[in-house]
Amino acid sequence: MKKKLAEIAHSRAGDKGNTLILSLIPFQEEDFDFLVKEVTAAKVKTHLSHQVKGEITRYVLPELKAIQFTCLDALAGGVTTSLAMDAHGKSLSYALLEMEVELDSGPSQ
């Protein structure tokens, strides 16, 4: 069974030039280890491949029970040069939450 990340976590987006920063934070702290296991940089890269053209680096922040992804070459050149409708990439936090994860090792229900 699959579940969208939006059902177990929330996300925020920020930008610096052509770099997008996404956070992923579970609603329930006990789901953090599940997210660390299931939401890898490679899976996020595949999921956001339509927008993110560069490398994605994942940072696990156990003290905060959060994950951060730094996405290079993600904003069509950056805010001041992009002609994109969402030059800051804010909608990509919602796109991340559309990613599905397998519930075999499951989060809390």
Protein backbone atom coordinates (compact mmCIF):
# COMPACT_ATOMS: atom_id res chain seq x y z
CA MET A 1 0.00 0.00 0.00
CA LYS A 2 1.23 3.47 -0.85
CA LYS A 3 0.63 6.77 0.87
CA LYS A 4 1.47 10.33 -0.18
CA LEU A 5 3.98 12.18 1.96
CA ALA A 6 1.35 14.88 2.51
CA GLU A 7 -0.52 12.43 4.74
CA ILE A 8 2.38 12.04 7.17
CA ALA A 9 4.56 15.14 6.79
CA HIS A 10 4.71 18.80 5.86
CA SER A 11 7.28 20.69 3.82
CA ARG A 12 8.66 24.18 3.37
CA ALA A 13 10.69 25.66 0.53
CA GLY A 14 13.34 28.35 0.35
CA ASP A 15 15.70 29.58 -2.31
CA LYS A 16 19.11 31.10 -2.79
CA GLY A 17 19.94 31.93 -6.38
CA ASN A 18 19.36 28.84 -8.48
CA THR A 19 19.35 26.54 -5.43
CA LEU A 20 16.14 25.26 -3.86
CA ILE A 21 16.01 24.11 -0.24
CA LEU A 22 13.19 21.79 0.81
CA SER A 23 12.43 20.61 4.31
CA LEU A 24 10.40 17.53 5.20
CA ILE A 25 9.04 17.23 8.73
CA PRO A 26 6.74 14.45 9.97
CA PHE A 27 3.52 15.37 11.76
CA GLN A 28 4.31 12.63 14.29
CA GLU A 29 7.90 12.36 15.60
CA GLU A 30 7.69 8.56 15.51
CA ASP A 31 7.46 8.73 11.69
CA PHE A 32 10.87 10.40 11.37
CA ASP A 33 12.87 7.15 11.06
CA PHE A 34 10.45 5.92 8.41
CA LEU A 35 10.96 9.10 6.38
CA VAL A 36 14.75 8.83 6.73
CA LYS A 37 14.58 5.28 5.38
CA GLU A 38 12.12 5.92 2.56
CA VAL A 39 12.77 9.46 1.29
CA THR A 40 16.26 9.40 -0.18
CA ALA A 41 17.95 12.04 -2.31
CA ALA A 42 17.74 9.68 -5.30
CA LYS A 43 13.98 9.22 -4.89
CA VAL A 44 13.43 12.97 -4.54
CA LYS A 45 15.60 13.56 -7.63
CA THR A 46 13.45 11.14 -9.63
CA HIS A 47 10.22 12.64 -8.29
CA LEU A 48 11.25 16.25 -9.05
CA SER A 49 13.20 15.54 -12.25
CA HIS A 50 10.87 17.80 -14.25
CA GLN A 51 12.20 20.81 -12.32
CA VAL A 52 15.48 19.94 -10.58
CA LYS A 53 18.29 19.58 -13.10
CA GLY A 54 21.25 19.42 -10.72
CA GLU A 55 22.38 17.34 -7.77
CA ILE A 56 20.24 16.85 -4.66
CA THR A 57 21.92 16.51 -1.28
CA ARG A 58 19.99 15.21 1.73
CA TYR A 59 20.73 16.31 5.28
CA VAL A 60 19.19 14.33 8.14
CA LEU A 61 18.57 16.49 11.21
CA PRO A 62 17.72 14.06 14.02
CA GLU A 63 17.61 16.74 16.72
CA LEU A 64 14.84 18.50 14.80
CA LYS A 65 13.21 15.31 13.48
CA ALA A 66 13.52 16.82 10.00
CA ILE A 67 15.15 16.21 6.65
CA GLN A 68 16.50 18.93 4.38
CA PHE A 69 17.17 18.62 0.66
CA THR A 70 19.42 21.07 -1.17
CA CYS A 71 18.56 21.01 -4.87
CA LEU A 72 21.01 22.58 -7.32
CA ASP A 73 20.01 24.02 -10.70
CA ALA A 74 16.36 23.93 -9.67
CA LEU A 75 14.99 27.41 -10.35
CA ALA A 76 15.63 28.07 -14.04
CA GLY A 77 18.56 30.35 -13.29
CA GLY A 78 17.27 31.88 -10.07
CA VAL A 79 14.75 34.49 -9.04
CA THR A 80 16.30 37.49 -10.80
CA THR A 81 16.80 35.73 -14.14
CA SER A 82 13.99 33.17 -14.30
CA LEU A 83 10.89 33.60 -16.39
CA ALA A 84 9.16 30.82 -14.47
CA MET A 85 5.79 31.47 -12.84
CA ASP A 86 7.19 30.20 -9.51
CA ALA A 87 10.71 31.62 -9.56
CA HIS A 88 11.17 30.98 -5.82
CA GLY A 89 10.15 27.31 -6.13
CA LYS A 90 7.59 27.51 -3.32
CA SER A 91 5.22 25.14 -5.12
CA LEU A 92 7.91 22.45 -5.12
CA SER A 93 7.32 21.81 -1.42
CA TYR A 94 3.80 20.71 -2.44
CA ALA A 95 5.22 18.70 -5.33
CA LEU A 96 7.47 16.86 -2.85
CA LEU A 97 4.44 16.04 -0.70
CA GLU A 98 2.80 14.35 -3.71
CA MET A 99 5.57 11.71 -3.64
CA GLU A 100 4.30 8.29 -2.64
CA VAL A 101 6.03 5.98 -0.15
CA GLU A 102 5.51 2.28 0.45
CA LEU A 103 3.90 1.51 3.79
CA ASP A 104 5.50 -1.91 4.39
CA SER A 105 7.70 -0.59 7.20
CA GLY A 106 4.96 1.92 7.79
CA PRO A 107 4.47 5.22 9.50
CA SER A 108 1.96 5.61 12.28
CA GLN A 109 -1.58 5.52 10.99
